[in-house]
Structures are given as C-alpha cells and as structure tokens.
Amino acid sequence: MFNGPELTGFFDFYFAGVDTWLFDLAVCLNDWCIDWPTGRADDVRVAAMVSAYQSVRPLQAAERTLLGAMTRAAALRFWISRLWDFHLPRDAALLTPHDPSHFERVLTQRRDVPIMAESFL
C-alpha cells in the first residue's frame, strides 16, 4: 500500500484492537516497514512509523522496552497462522493461503536484529 515512500492506503484491520496497542504497532512495523524479500526492518520506515505514532500516542516506558519482544510475538503469530492455513486448509471461499516462509524470515530477522524503540525515538 505504498507508492514509493508514501503510504497511500491500508486494509485488513479485522483483528486490530483486540490486544494491546503495542501489538497493533508491532504488526504494522512487521508488515509496512520492512524490506519485503528479506524481512529486514527498513530503518527509515520504522523511524517514520514510530515518530508518527509517538505524535498521536507516545509510547509508555514499558512499551518502549517491550517493542522488540512484541515485534517477535507478532511475527510468530502471523507465521503460525500462515503455517496453519497452508498445511491445514479449510473450505473457505475467501481464504487464499499465503506462503508461511515470509513471516518465518520476518521472525528470524526480529530475533537476530530486534527493533528497539530507543533507536527510533
């Protein structure tokens, strides 16, 4: 949903708001602020997202500490979900299983190079 560096739209917030706000931020960072082929964090996009988020709702101290762990948890949640849909498909007209290896790469990157809030504040 990017046109170059500009975010032009978004969709699929079906499960947003059912956990902590930090989890929703972590999901967005893992999806919108990465190098797609590798899953590496794109520091410019991460900085822009965290800065914009901070301007509306500043992260609390505990959230800043937990951001790295939460981005790993979000990547794990999406990897497991994709593994489930890929290997145990259900009869659903609107469900197209996605390749689970994408979020495996994202999870591996978050484990090896965590997104730390202090780096972007």
PDB file of N, CA and C in Angstrom:
ATOM      1  N   MET A   1       0.820  -1.196   0.000  1.00  0.00           N
ATOM      2  CA  MET A   1       0.000   0.000   0.000  1.00  0.00           C
ATOM      3  C   MET A   1       0.864   1.261   0.000  1.00  0.00           C
ATOM      4  N   PHE A   2       2.101   1.107  -0.427  1.00  0.00           N
ATOM      5  CA  PHE A   2       2.995   2.255  -0.538  1.00  0.00           C
ATOM      6  C   PHE A   2       3.144   2.644  -2.003  1.00  0.00           C
ATOM      7  N   ASN A   3       3.200   3.928  -2.248  1.00  0.00           N
ATOM      8  CA  ASN A   3       3.568   4.463  -3.551  1.00  0.00           C
ATOM      9  C   ASN A   3       4.899   5.150  -3.327  1.00  0.00           C
ATOM     10  N   GLY A   4       5.987   4.429  -3.607  1.00  0.00           N
ATOM     11  CA  GLY A   4       7.309   4.928  -3.239  1.00  0.00           C
ATOM     12  C   GLY A   4       7.389   4.970  -1.728  1.00  0.00           C
ATOM     13  N   PRO A   5       7.814   6.089  -1.149  1.00  0.00           N
ATOM     14  CA  PRO A   5       7.909   6.176   0.311  1.00  0.00           C
ATOM     15  C   PRO A   5       6.603   6.590   0.994  1.00  0.00           C
ATOM     16  N   GLU A   6       5.559   6.879   0.202  1.00  0.00           N
ATOM     17  CA  GLU A   6       4.314   7.399   0.761  1.00  0.00           C
ATOM     18  C   GLU A   6       3.282   6.293   0.976  1.00  0.00           C
ATOM     19  N   LEU A   7       2.735   6.213   2.182  1.00  0.00           N
ATOM     20  CA  LEU A   7       1.648   5.292   2.477  1.00  0.00           C
ATOM     21  C   LEU A   7       0.374   5.873   1.872  1.00  0.00           C
ATOM     22  N   THR A   8      -0.226   5.118   0.953  1.00  0.00           N
ATOM     23  CA  THR A   8      -1.389   5.646   0.230  1.00  0.00           C
ATOM     24  C   THR A   8      -2.694   4.983   0.632  1.00  0.00           C
ATOM     25  N   GLY A   9      -2.623   3.924   1.415  1.00  0.00           N
ATOM     26  CA  GLY A   9      -3.838   3.257   1.848  1.00  0.00           C
ATOM     27  C   GLY A   9      -3.507   2.077   2.729  1.00  0.00           C
ATOM     28  N   PHE A  10      -4.527   1.535   3.369  1.00  0.00           N
ATOM     29  CA  PHE A  10      -4.325   0.359   4.202  1.00  0.00           C
ATOM     30  C   PHE A  10      -5.626  -0.407   4.278  1.00  0.00           C
ATOM     31  N   PHE A  11      -5.512  -1.665   4.671  1.00  0.00           N
ATOM     32  CA  PHE A  11      -6.681  -2.518   4.783  1.00  0.00           C
ATOM     33  C   PHE A  11      -6.389  -3.641   5.759  1.00  0.00           C
ATOM     34  N   ASP A  12      -7.394  -4.467   6.005  1.00  0.00           N
ATOM     35  CA  ASP A  12      -7.243  -5.694   6.789  1.00  0.00           C
ATOM     36  C   ASP A  12      -6.919  -5.424   8.252  1.00  0.00           C
ATOM     37  N   PHE A  13      -7.734  -4.607   8.889  1.00  0.00           N
ATOM     38  CA  PHE A  13      -7.592  -4.384  10.320  1.00  0.00           C
ATOM     39  C   PHE A  13      -8.644  -5.175  11.094  1.00  0.00           C
ATOM     40  N   TYR A  14      -9.015  -6.331  10.563  1.00  0.00           N
ATOM     41  CA  TYR A  14     -10.067  -7.144  11.154  1.00  0.00           C
ATOM     42  C   TYR A  14      -9.808  -7.455  12.625  1.00  0.00           C
ATOM     43  N   PHE A  15      -8.570  -7.833  12.960  1.00  0.00           N
ATOM     44  CA  PHE A  15      -8.251  -8.197  14.341  1.00  0.00           C
ATOM     45  C   PHE A  15      -7.603  -7.051  15.122  1.00  0.00           C
ATOM     46  N   ALA A  16      -7.458  -5.904  14.530  1.00  0.00           N
ATOM     47  CA  ALA A  16      -6.835  -4.781  15.234  1.00  0.00           C
ATOM     48  C   ALA A  16      -7.673  -4.394  16.443  1.00  0.00           C
ATOM     49  N   GLY A  17      -7.003  -3.986  17.482  1.00  0.00           N
ATOM     50  CA  GLY A  17      -7.698  -3.515  18.664  1.00  0.00           C
ATOM     51  C   GLY A  17      -8.183  -4.609  19.595  1.00  0.00           C
ATOM     52  N   VAL A  18      -7.787  -5.859  19.350  1.00  0.00           N
ATOM     53  CA  VAL A  18      -8.212  -6.934  20.246  1.00  0.00           C
ATOM     54  C   VAL A  18      -7.090  -7.327  21.209  1.00  0.00           C
ATOM     55  N   ASP A  19      -5.986  -6.679  21.126  1.00  0.00           N
ATOM     56  CA  ASP A  19      -4.849  -6.920  22.019  1.00  0.00           C
ATOM     57  C   ASP A  19      -4.352  -5.542  22.457  1.00  0.00           C
ATOM     58  N   THR A  20      -3.122  -5.463  22.890  1.00  0.00           N
ATOM     59  CA  THR A  20      -2.580  -4.165  23.292  1.00  0.00           C
ATOM     60  C   THR A  20      -2.320  -3.306  22.061  1.00  0.00           C
ATOM     61  N   TRP A  21      -2.276  -2.012  22.245  1.00  0.00           N
ATOM     62  CA  TRP A  21      -1.958  -1.111  21.141  1.00  0.00           C
ATOM     63  C   TRP A  21      -0.547  -1.384  20.631  1.00  0.00           C
ATOM     64  N   LEU A  22       0.337  -1.782  21.523  1.00  0.00           N
ATOM     65  CA  LEU A  22       1.708  -2.076  21.113  1.00  0.00           C
ATOM     66  C   LEU A  22       1.737  -3.246  20.129  1.00  0.00           C
ATOM     67  N   PHE A  23       0.848  -4.225  20.313  1.00  0.00           N
ATOM     68  CA  PHE A  23       0.793  -5.348  19.377  1.00  0.00           C
ATOM     69  C   PHE A  23       0.380  -4.853  17.989  1.00  0.00           C
ATOM     70  N   ASP A  24      -0.611  -3.970  17.916  1.00  0.00           N
ATOM     71  CA  ASP A  24      -1.027  -3.421  16.622  1.00  0.00           C
ATOM     72  C   ASP A  24       0.119  -2.655  15.961  1.00  0.00           C
ATOM     73  N   LEU A  25       0.863  -1.885  16.736  1.00  0.00           N
ATOM     74  CA  LEU A  25       2.026  -1.183  16.193  1.00  0.00           C
ATOM     75  C   LEU A  25       3.057  -2.196  15.688  1.00  0.00           C
ATOM     76  N   ALA A  26       3.291  -3.246  16.439  1.00  0.00           N
ATOM     77  CA  ALA A  26       4.266  -4.268  16.040  1.00  0.00           C
ATOM     78  C   ALA A  26       3.845  -4.939  14.730  1.00  0.00           C
ATOM     79  N   VAL A  27       2.562  -5.228  14.578  1.00  0.00           N
ATOM     80  CA  VAL A  27       2.056  -5.824  13.335  1.00  0.00           C
ATOM     81  C   VAL A  27       2.330  -4.886  12.165  1.00  0.00           C
ATOM     82  N   CYS A  28       2.040  -3.601  12.342  1.00  0.00           N
ATOM     83  CA  CYS A  28       2.284  -2.627  11.273  1.00  0.00           C
ATOM     84  C   CYS A  28       3.767  -2.515  10.949  1.00  0.00           C
ATOM     85  N   LEU A  29       4.614  -2.482  11.955  1.00  0.00           N
ATOM     86  CA  LEU A  29       6.050  -2.415  11.711  1.00  0.00           C
ATOM     87  C   LEU A  29       6.528  -3.631  10.927  1.00  0.00           C
ATOM     88  N   ASN A  30       6.028  -4.807  11.290  1.00  0.00           N
ATOM     89  CA  ASN A  30       6.438  -6.039  10.607  1.00  0.00           C
ATOM     90  C   ASN A  30       5.909  -6.134   9.183  1.00  0.00           C
ATOM     91  N   ASP A  31       4.844  -5.425   8.887  1.00  0.00           N
ATOM     92  CA  ASP A  31       4.238  -5.540   7.566  1.00  0.00           C
ATOM     93  C   ASP A  31       4.588  -4.367   6.660  1.00  0.00           C
ATOM     94  N   TRP A  32       4.590  -3.168   7.191  1.00  0.00           N
ATOM     95  CA  TRP A  32       4.768  -1.984   6.363  1.00  0.00           C
ATOM     96  C   TRP A  32       6.188  -1.441   6.356  1.00  0.00           C
ATOM     97  N   CYS A  33       6.994  -1.841   7.313  1.00  0.00           N
ATOM     98  CA  CYS A  33       8.299  -1.192   7.493  1.00  0.00           C
ATOM     99  C   CYS A  33       9.449  -2.179   7.325  1.00  0.00           C
ATOM    100  N   ILE A  34       9.364  -2.991   6.284  1.00  0.00           N
ATOM    101  CA  ILE A  34      10.397  -4.000   6.063  1.00  0.00           C
ATOM    102  C   ILE A  34      10.847  -3.995   4.610  1.00  0.00           C
ATOM    103  N   ASP A  35      11.992  -4.604   4.405  1.00  0.00           N
ATOM    104  CA  ASP A  35      12.437  -4.973   3.074  1.00  0.00           C
ATOM    105  C   ASP A  35      11.743  -6.295   2.772  1.00  0.00           C
ATOM    106  N   TRP A  36      10.829  -6.307   1.827  1.00  0.00           N
ATOM    107  CA  TRP A  36       9.956  -7.460   1.607  1.00  0.00           C
ATOM    108  C   TRP A  36      10.721  -8.759   1.360  1.00  0.00           C
ATOM    109  N   PRO A  37      11.706  -8.796   0.468  1.00  0.00           N
ATOM    110  CA  PRO A  37      12.367 -10.082   0.189  1.00  0.00           C
ATOM    111  C   PRO A  37      13.112 -10.684   1.384  1.00  0.00           C
ATOM    112  N   THR A  38      13.649  -9.845   2.253  1.00  0.00           N
ATOM    113  CA  THR A  38      14.475 -10.362   3.355  1.00  0.00           C
ATOM    114  C   THR A  38      13.775 -10.354   4.703  1.00  0.00           C
ATOM    115  N   GLY A  39      12.763  -9.519   4.866  1.00  0.00           N
ATOM    116  CA  GLY A  39      12.114  -9.358   6.163  1.00  0.00           C
ATOM    117  C   GLY A  39      12.845  -8.411   7.094  1.00  0.00           C
ATOM    118  N   ARG A  40      13.968  -7.853   6.636  1.00  0.00           N
ATOM    119  CA  ARG A  40      14.717  -6.902   7.474  1.00  0.00           C
ATOM    120  C   ARG A  40      13.917  -5.627   7.688  1.00  0.00           C
ATOM    121  N   ALA A  41      14.068  -5.040   8.851  1.00  0.00           N
ATOM    122  CA  ALA A  41      13.418  -3.758   9.130  1.00  0.00           C
ATOM    123  C   ALA A  41      14.025  -2.683   8.249  1.00  0.00           C
ATOM    124  N   ASP A  42      13.177  -1.838   7.694  1.00  0.00           N
ATOM    125  CA  ASP A  42      13.605  -0.674   6.923  1.00  0.00           C
ATOM    126  C   ASP A  42      13.653   0.484   7.920  1.00  0.00           C
ATOM    127  N   ASP A  43      14.847   0.858   8.322  1.00  0.00           N
ATOM    128  CA  ASP A  43      15.001   1.839   9.399  1.00  0.00           C
ATOM    129  C   ASP A  43      14.300   3.166   9.105  1.00  0.00           C
ATOM    130  N   VAL A  44      14.281   3.588   7.858  1.00  0.00           N
ATOM    131  CA  VAL A  44      13.635   4.855   7.511  1.00  0.00           C
ATOM    132  C   VAL A  44      12.135   4.741   7.755  1.00  0.00           C
ATOM    133  N   ARG A  45      11.535   3.648   7.311  1.00  0.00           N
ATOM    134  CA  ARG A  45      10.095   3.460   7.520  1.00  0.00           C
ATOM    135  C   ARG A  45       9.769   3.236   8.992  1.00  0.00           C
ATOM    136  N   VAL A  46      10.604   2.460   9.688  1.00  0.00           N
ATOM    137  CA  VAL A  46      10.366   2.247  11.122  1.00  0.00           C
ATOM    138  C   VAL A  46      10.401   3.584  11.856  1.00  0.00           C
ATOM    139  N   ALA A  47      11.406   4.399  11.568  1.00  0.00           N
ATOM    140  CA  ALA A  47      11.516   5.705  12.224  1.00  0.00           C
ATOM    141  C   ALA A  47      10.294   6.572  11.927  1.00  0.00           C
ATOM    142  N   ALA A  48       9.838   6.567  10.672  1.00  0.00           N
ATOM    143  CA  ALA A  48       8.664   7.374  10.301  1.00  0.00           C
ATOM    144  C   ALA A  48       7.419   6.864  11.024  1.00  0.00           C
ATOM    145  N   MET A  49       7.244   5.538  11.082  1.00  0.00           N
ATOM    146  CA  MET A  49       6.059   4.963  11.732  1.00  0.00           C
ATOM    147  C   MET A  49       6.078   5.254  13.235  1.00  0.00           C
ATOM    148  N   VAL A  50       7.210   5.021  13.872  1.00  0.00           N
ATOM    149  CA  VAL A  50       7.300   5.237  15.321  1.00  0.00           C
ATOM    150  C   VAL A  50       7.123   6.726  15.637  1.00  0.00           C
ATOM    151  N   SER A  51       7.716   7.586  14.832  1.00  0.00           N
ATOM    152  CA  SER A  51       7.581   9.028  15.053  1.00  0.00           C
ATOM    153  C   SER A  51       6.124   9.469  14.902  1.00  0.00           C
ATOM    154  N   ALA A  52       5.454   8.994  13.863  1.00  0.00           N
ATOM    155  CA  ALA A  52       4.046   9.346  13.658  1.00  0.00           C
ATOM    156  C   ALA A  52       3.185   8.811  14.798  1.00  0.00           C
ATOM    157  N   TYR A  53       3.449   7.596  15.215  1.00  0.00           N
ATOM    158  CA  TYR A  53       2.703   7.001  16.330  1.00  0.00           C
ATOM    159  C   TYR A  53       2.909   7.831  17.593  1.00  0.00           C
ATOM    160  N   GLN A  54       4.175   8.160  17.866  1.00  0.00           N
ATOM    161  CA  GLN A  54       4.513   8.954  19.055  1.00  0.00           C
ATOM    162  C   GLN A  54       3.811  10.306  19.055  1.00  0.00           C
ATOM    163  N   SER A  55       3.604  10.887  17.877  1.00  0.00           N
ATOM    164  CA  SER A  55       2.980  12.213  17.809  1.00  0.00           C
ATOM    165  C   SER A  55       1.500  12.173  18.215  1.00  0.00           C
ATOM    166  N   VAL A  56       0.882  11.004  18.112  1.00  0.00           N
ATOM    167  CA  VAL A  56      -0.520  10.854  18.476  1.00  0.00           C
ATOM    168  C   VAL A  56      -0.670  10.218  19.849  1.00  0.00           C
ATOM    169  N   ARG A  57       0.133   9.187  20.101  1.00  0.00           N
ATOM    170  CA  ARG A  57       0.064   8.461  21.366  1.00  0.00           C
ATOM    171  C   ARG A  57       1.471   8.035  21.764  1.00  0.00           C
ATOM    172  N   PRO A  58       2.134   8.817  22.601  1.00  0.00           N
ATOM    173  CA  PRO A  58       3.501   8.471  22.993  1.00  0.00           C
ATOM    174  C   PRO A  58       3.573   7.097  23.659  1.00  0.00           C
ATOM    175  N   LEU A  59       4.592   6.348  23.286  1.00  0.00           N
ATOM    176  CA  LEU A  59       4.817   5.047  23.911  1.00  0.00           C
ATOM    177  C   LEU A  59       5.184   5.231  25.376  1.00  0.00           C
ATOM    178  N   GLN A  60       4.624   4.394  26.222  1.00  0.00           N
ATOM    179  CA  GLN A  60       4.987   4.400  27.627  1.00  0.00           C
ATOM    180  C   GLN A  60       6.342   3.710  27.789  1.00  0.00           C
ATOM    181  N   ALA A  61       6.987   3.907  28.912  1.00  0.00           N
ATOM    182  CA  ALA A  61       8.317   3.334  29.147  1.00  0.00           C
ATOM    183  C   ALA A  61       8.311   1.815  28.966  1.00  0.00           C
ATOM    184  N   ALA A  62       7.310   1.149  29.510  1.00  0.00           N
ATOM    185  CA  ALA A  62       7.232  -0.314  29.380  1.00  0.00           C
ATOM    186  C   ALA A  62       7.057  -0.721  27.916  1.00  0.00           C
ATOM    187  N   GLU A  63       6.286   0.052  27.161  1.00  0.00           N
ATOM    188  CA  GLU A  63       6.081  -0.263  25.741  1.00  0.00           C
ATOM    189  C   GLU A  63       7.382  -0.096  24.962  1.00  0.00           C
ATOM    190  N   ARG A  64       8.145   0.935  25.285  1.00  0.00           N
ATOM    191  CA  ARG A  64       9.434   1.125  24.614  1.00  0.00           C
ATOM    192  C   ARG A  64      10.342  -0.069  24.893  1.00  0.00           C
ATOM    193  N   THR A  65      10.321  -0.553  26.121  1.00  0.00           N
ATOM    194  CA  THR A  65      11.148  -1.707  26.498  1.00  0.00           C
ATOM    195  C   THR A  65      10.691  -2.973  25.781  1.00  0.00           C
ATOM    196  N   LEU A  66       9.392  -3.124  25.605  1.00  0.00           N
ATOM    197  CA  LEU A  66       8.829  -4.367  25.072  1.00  0.00           C
ATOM    198  C   LEU A  66       8.652  -4.389  23.560  1.00  0.00           C
ATOM    199  N   LEU A  67       8.959  -3.312  22.860  1.00  0.00           N
ATOM    200  CA  LEU A  67       8.703  -3.272  21.422  1.00  0.00           C
ATOM    201  C   LEU A  67       9.414  -4.405  20.676  1.00  0.00           C
ATOM    202  N   GLY A  68      10.658  -4.673  20.993  1.00  0.00           N
ATOM    203  CA  GLY A  68      11.385  -5.756  20.321  1.00  0.00           C
ATOM    204  C   GLY A  68      10.713  -7.100  20.517  1.00  0.00           C
ATOM    205  N   ALA A  69      10.326  -7.399  21.748  1.00  0.00           N
ATOM    206  CA  ALA A  69       9.639  -8.665  22.035  1.00  0.00           C
ATOM    207  C   ALA A  69       8.277  -8.718  21.346  1.00  0.00           C
ATOM    208  N   MET A  70       7.590  -7.594  21.289  1.00  0.00           N
ATOM    209  CA  MET A  70       6.264  -7.587  20.679  1.00  0.00           C
ATOM    210  C   MET A  70       6.348  -7.769  19.169  1.00  0.00           C
ATOM    211  N   THR A  71       7.381  -7.216  18.520  1.00  0.00           N
ATOM    212  CA  THR A  71       7.507  -7.451  17.076  1.00  0.00           C
ATOM    213  C   THR A  71       7.824  -8.926  16.803  1.00  0.00           C
ATOM    214  N   ARG A  72       8.565  -9.571  17.696  1.00  0.00           N
ATOM    215  CA  ARG A  72       8.800 -11.022  17.553  1.00  0.00           C
ATOM    216  C   ARG A  72       7.500 -11.795  17.759  1.00  0.00           C
ATOM    217  N   ALA A  73       6.720 -11.425  18.763  1.00  0.00           N
ATOM    218  CA  ALA A  73       5.451 -12.101  19.026  1.00  0.00           C
ATOM    219  C   ALA A  73       4.492 -11.933  17.843  1.00  0.00           C
ATOM    220  N   ALA A  74       4.449 -10.746  17.271  1.00  0.00           N
ATOM    221  CA  ALA A  74       3.570 -10.503  16.125  1.00  0.00           C
ATOM    222  C   ALA A  74       4.016 -11.331  14.919  1.00  0.00           C
ATOM    223  N   ALA A  75       5.317 -11.387  14.679  1.00  0.00           N
ATOM    224  CA  ALA A  75       5.825 -12.195  13.560  1.00  0.00           C
ATOM    225  C   ALA A  75       5.530 -13.675  13.794  1.00  0.00           C
ATOM    226  N   LEU A  76       5.688 -14.142  15.018  1.00  0.00           N
ATOM    227  CA  LEU A  76       5.391 -15.538  15.342  1.00  0.00           C
ATOM    228  C   LEU A  76       3.908 -15.828  15.127  1.00  0.00           C
ATOM    229  N   ARG A  77       3.048 -14.941  15.566  1.00  0.00           N
ATOM    230  CA  ARG A  77       1.603 -15.128  15.408  1.00  0.00           C
ATOM    231  C   ARG A  77       1.221 -15.251  13.934  1.00  0.00           C
ATOM    232  N   PHE A  78       1.791 -14.378  13.082  1.00  0.00           N
ATOM    233  CA  PHE A  78       1.467 -14.438  11.658  1.00  0.00           C
ATOM    234  C   PHE A  78       2.094 -15.655  10.991  1.00  0.00           C
ATOM    235  N   TRP A  79       3.280 -16.055  11.399  1.00  0.00           N
ATOM    236  CA  TRP A  79       3.910 -17.247  10.834  1.00  0.00           C
ATOM    237  C   TRP A  79       3.070 -18.488  11.159  1.00  0.00           C
ATOM    238  N   ILE A  80       2.668 -18.630  12.429  1.00  0.00           N
ATOM    239  CA  ILE A  80       1.848 -19.783  12.820  1.00  0.00           C
ATOM    240  C   ILE A  80       0.517 -19.782  12.071  1.00  0.00           C
ATOM    241  N   SER A  81      -0.101 -18.621  11.952  1.00  0.00           N
ATOM    242  CA  SER A  81      -1.368 -18.522  11.230  1.00  0.00           C
ATOM    243  C   SER A  81      -1.209 -18.963   9.783  1.00  0.00           C
ATOM    244  N   ARG A  82      -0.141 -18.512   9.141  1.00  0.00           N
ATOM    245  CA  ARG A  82       0.094 -18.904   7.751  1.00  0.00           C
ATOM    246  C   ARG A  82       0.457 -20.383   7.639  1.00  0.00           C
ATOM    247  N   LEU A  83       1.223 -20.898   8.578  1.00  0.00           N
ATOM    248  CA  LEU A  83       1.518 -22.336   8.569  1.00  0.00           C
ATOM    249  C   LEU A  83       0.234 -23.142   8.670  1.00  0.00           C
ATOM    250  N   TRP A  84      -0.633 -22.723   9.561  1.00  0.00           N
ATOM    251  CA  TRP A  84      -1.907 -23.416   9.773  1.00  0.00           C
ATOM    252  C   TRP A  84      -2.735 -23.418   8.480  1.00  0.00           C
ATOM    253  N   ASP A  85      -2.904 -22.237   7.889  1.00  0.00           N
ATOM    254  CA  ASP A  85      -3.721 -22.133   6.678  1.00  0.00           C
ATOM    255  C   ASP A  85      -3.100 -22.868   5.493  1.00  0.00           C
ATOM    256  N   PHE A  86      -1.772 -22.899   5.437  1.00  0.00           N
ATOM    257  CA  PHE A  86      -1.075 -23.541   4.324  1.00  0.00           C
ATOM    258  C   PHE A  86      -1.139 -25.068   4.428  1.00  0.00           C
ATOM    259  N   HIS A  87      -0.906 -25.586   5.637  1.00  0.00           N
ATOM    260  CA  HIS A  87      -0.831 -27.037   5.818  1.00  0.00           C
ATOM    261  C   HIS A  87      -2.151 -27.681   6.240  1.00  0.00           C
ATOM    262  N   LEU A  88      -3.059 -26.908   6.793  1.00  0.00           N
ATOM    263  CA  LEU A  88      -4.362 -27.422   7.209  1.00  0.00           C
ATOM    264  C   LEU A  88      -5.466 -26.534   6.633  1.00  0.00           C
ATOM    265  N   PRO A  89      -5.542 -26.474   5.305  1.00  0.00           N
ATOM    266  CA  PRO A  89      -6.522 -25.557   4.699  1.00  0.00           C
ATOM    267  C   PRO A  89      -7.942 -25.948   5.049  1.00  0.00           C
ATOM    268  N   ARG A  90      -8.777 -24.944   5.166  1.00  0.00           N
ATOM    269  CA  ARG A  90     -10.192 -25.185   5.422  1.00  0.00           C
ATOM    270  C   ARG A  90     -10.979 -24.702   4.213  1.00  0.00           C
ATOM    271  N   ASP A  91     -12.174 -25.195   4.091  1.00  0.00           N
ATOM    272  CA  ASP A  91     -13.034 -24.826   2.975  1.00  0.00           C
ATOM    273  C   ASP A  91     -13.569 -23.418   3.225  1.00  0.00           C
ATOM    274  N   ALA A  92     -12.944 -22.455   2.573  1.00  0.00           N
ATOM    275  CA  ALA A  92     -13.350 -21.057   2.743  1.00  0.00           C
ATOM    276  C   ALA A  92     -13.150 -20.339   1.415  1.00  0.00           C
ATOM    277  N   ALA A  93     -14.209 -19.835   0.866  1.00  0.00           N
ATOM    278  CA  ALA A  93     -14.155 -19.223  -0.457  1.00  0.00           C
ATOM    279  C   ALA A  93     -13.227 -18.017  -0.514  1.00  0.00           C
ATOM    280  N   LEU A  94     -13.115 -17.276   0.573  1.00  0.00           N
ATOM    281  CA  LEU A  94     -12.307 -16.058   0.563  1.00  0.00           C
ATOM    282  C   LEU A  94     -10.895 -16.258   1.103  1.00  0.00           C
ATOM    283  N   LEU A  95     -10.540 -17.467   1.474  1.00  0.00           N
ATOM    284  CA  LEU A  95      -9.225 -17.712   2.062  1.00  0.00           C
ATOM    285  C   LEU A  95      -8.265 -18.237   1.005  1.00  0.00           C
ATOM    286  N   THR A  96      -7.207 -17.502   0.773  1.00  0.00           N
ATOM    287  CA  THR A  96      -6.123 -17.959  -0.082  1.00  0.00           C
ATOM    288  C   THR A  96      -4.890 -18.084   0.809  1.00  0.00           C
ATOM    289  N   PRO A  97      -4.422 -19.301   1.047  1.00  0.00           N
ATOM    290  CA  PRO A  97      -3.244 -19.460   1.915  1.00  0.00           C
ATOM    291  C   PRO A  97      -2.031 -18.725   1.339  1.00  0.00           C
ATOM    292  N   HIS A  98      -1.328 -18.035   2.212  1.00  0.00           N
ATOM    293  CA  HIS A  98      -0.114 -17.321   1.828  1.00  0.00           C
ATOM    294  C   HIS A  98       1.098 -18.145   2.237  1.00  0.00           C
ATOM    295  N   ASP A  99       2.198 -17.881   1.580  1.00  0.00           N
ATOM    296  CA  ASP A  99       3.447 -18.576   1.855  1.00  0.00           C
ATOM    297  C   ASP A  99       3.913 -18.267   3.283  1.00  0.00           C
ATOM    298  N   PRO A 100       4.006 -19.279   4.138  1.00  0.00           N
ATOM    299  CA  PRO A 100       4.429 -19.023   5.523  1.00  0.00           C
ATOM    300  C   PRO A 100       5.898 -18.624   5.645  1.00  0.00           C
ATOM    301  N   SER A 101       6.705 -18.901   4.632  1.00  0.00           N
ATOM    302  CA  SER A 101       8.138 -18.601   4.754  1.00  0.00           C
ATOM    303  C   SER A 101       8.401 -17.097   4.870  1.00  0.00           C
ATOM    304  N   HIS A 102       7.479 -16.263   4.372  1.00  0.00           N
ATOM    305  CA  HIS A 102       7.671 -14.818   4.504  1.00  0.00           C
ATOM    306  C   HIS A 102       7.789 -14.416   5.972  1.00  0.00           C
ATOM    307  N   PHE A 103       6.822 -14.842   6.785  1.00  0.00           N
ATOM    308  CA  PHE A 103       6.875 -14.443   8.195  1.00  0.00           C
ATOM    309  C   PHE A 103       7.904 -15.233   8.989  1.00  0.00           C
ATOM    310  N   GLU A 104       8.337 -16.363   8.467  1.00  0.00           N
ATOM    311  CA  GLU A 104       9.490 -17.038   9.079  1.00  0.00           C
ATOM    312  C   GLU A 104      10.725 -16.155   8.926  1.00  0.00           C
ATOM    313  N   ARG A 105      10.896 -15.551   7.723  1.00  0.00           N
ATOM    314  CA  ARG A 105      12.023 -14.617   7.511  1.00  0.00           C
ATOM    315  C   ARG A 105      11.900 -13.409   8.431  1.00  0.00           C
ATOM    316  N   VAL A 106      10.686 -12.862   8.545  1.00  0.00           N
ATOM    317  CA  VAL A 106      10.474 -11.695   9.416  1.00  0.00           C
ATOM    318  C   VAL A 106      10.811 -12.065  10.860  1.00  0.00           C
ATOM    319  N   LEU A 107      10.332 -13.204  11.325  1.00  0.00           N
ATOM    320  CA  LEU A 107      10.607 -13.641  12.693  1.00  0.00           C
ATOM    321  C   LEU A 107      12.103 -13.833  12.914  1.00  0.00           C
ATOM    322  N   THR A 108      12.775 -14.450  11.971  1.00  0.00           N
ATOM    323  CA  THR A 108      14.222 -14.655  12.089  1.00  0.00           C
ATOM    324  C   THR A 108      14.943 -13.311  12.186  1.00  0.00           C
ATOM    325  N   GLN A 109      14.527 -12.350  11.366  1.00  0.00           N
ATOM    326  CA  GLN A 109      15.133 -11.017  11.422  1.00  0.00           C
ATOM    327  C   GLN A 109      14.880 -10.348  12.771  1.00  0.00           C
ATOM    328  N   ARG A 110      13.644 -10.455  13.292  1.00  0.00           N
ATOM    329  CA  ARG A 110      13.348  -9.826  14.589  1.00  0.00           C
ATOM    330  C   ARG A 110      14.133 -10.478  15.712  1.00  0.00           C
ATOM    331  N   ARG A 111      14.391 -11.772  15.585  1.00  0.00           N
ATOM    332  CA  ARG A 111      15.214 -12.463  16.586  1.00  0.00           C
ATOM    333  C   ARG A 111      16.664 -11.985  16.498  1.00  0.00           C
ATOM    334  N   ASP A 112      17.186 -11.906  15.283  1.00  0.00           N
ATOM    335  CA  ASP A 112      18.601 -11.588  15.084  1.00  0.00           C
ATOM    336  C   ASP A 112      18.896 -10.093  15.195  1.00  0.00           C
ATOM    337  N   VAL A 113      17.969  -9.270  14.741  1.00  0.00           N
ATOM    338  CA  VAL A 113      18.145  -7.804  14.766  1.00  0.00           C
ATOM    339  C   VAL A 113      16.842  -7.187  15.260  1.00  0.00           C
ATOM    340  N   PRO A 114      16.634  -7.148  16.566  1.00  0.00           N
ATOM    341  CA  PRO A 114      15.359  -6.639  17.107  1.00  0.00           C
ATOM    342  C   PRO A 114      15.133  -5.168  16.767  1.00  0.00           C
ATOM    343  N   ILE A 115      13.875  -4.799  16.629  1.00  0.00           N
ATOM    344  CA  ILE A 115      13.504  -3.389  16.503  1.00  0.00           C
ATOM    345  C   ILE A 115      13.433  -2.838  17.926  1.00  0.00           C
ATOM    346  N   MET A 116      14.309  -1.921  18.228  1.00  0.00           N
ATOM    347  CA  MET A 116      14.377  -1.348  19.565  1.00  0.00           C
ATOM    348  C   MET A 116      13.870   0.107  19.492  1.00  0.00           C
ATOM    349  N   ALA A 117      12.876   0.406  20.289  1.00  0.00           N
ATOM    350  CA  ALA A 117      12.257   1.735  20.260  1.00  0.00           C
ATOM    351  C   ALA A 117      13.279   2.841  20.486  1.00  0.00           C
ATOM    352  N   GLU A 118      14.230   2.613  21.370  1.00  0.00           N
ATOM    353  CA  GLU A 118      15.217   3.653  21.691  1.00  0.00           C
ATOM    354  C   GLU A 118      15.998   4.093  20.463  1.00  0.00           C
ATOM    355  N   SER A 119      16.128   3.202  19.482  1.00  0.00           N
ATOM    356  CA  SER A 119      16.859   3.539  18.258  1.00  0.00           C
ATOM    357  C   SER A 119      16.108   4.535  17.397  1.00  0.00           C
ATOM    358  N   PHE A 120      14.811   4.671  17.633  1.00  0.00           N
ATOM    359  CA  PHE A 120      13.985   5.494  16.755  1.00  0.00           C
ATOM    360  C   PHE A 120      13.303   6.643  17.468  1.00  0.00           C
ATOM    361  N   LEU A 121      13.609   6.851  18.749  1.00  0.00           N
ATOM    362  CA  LEU A 121      12.981   7.948  19.496  1.00  0.00           C
ATOM    363  C   LEU A 121      13.938   9.083  19.702  1.00  0.00           C
TER     364      LEU A 121
END
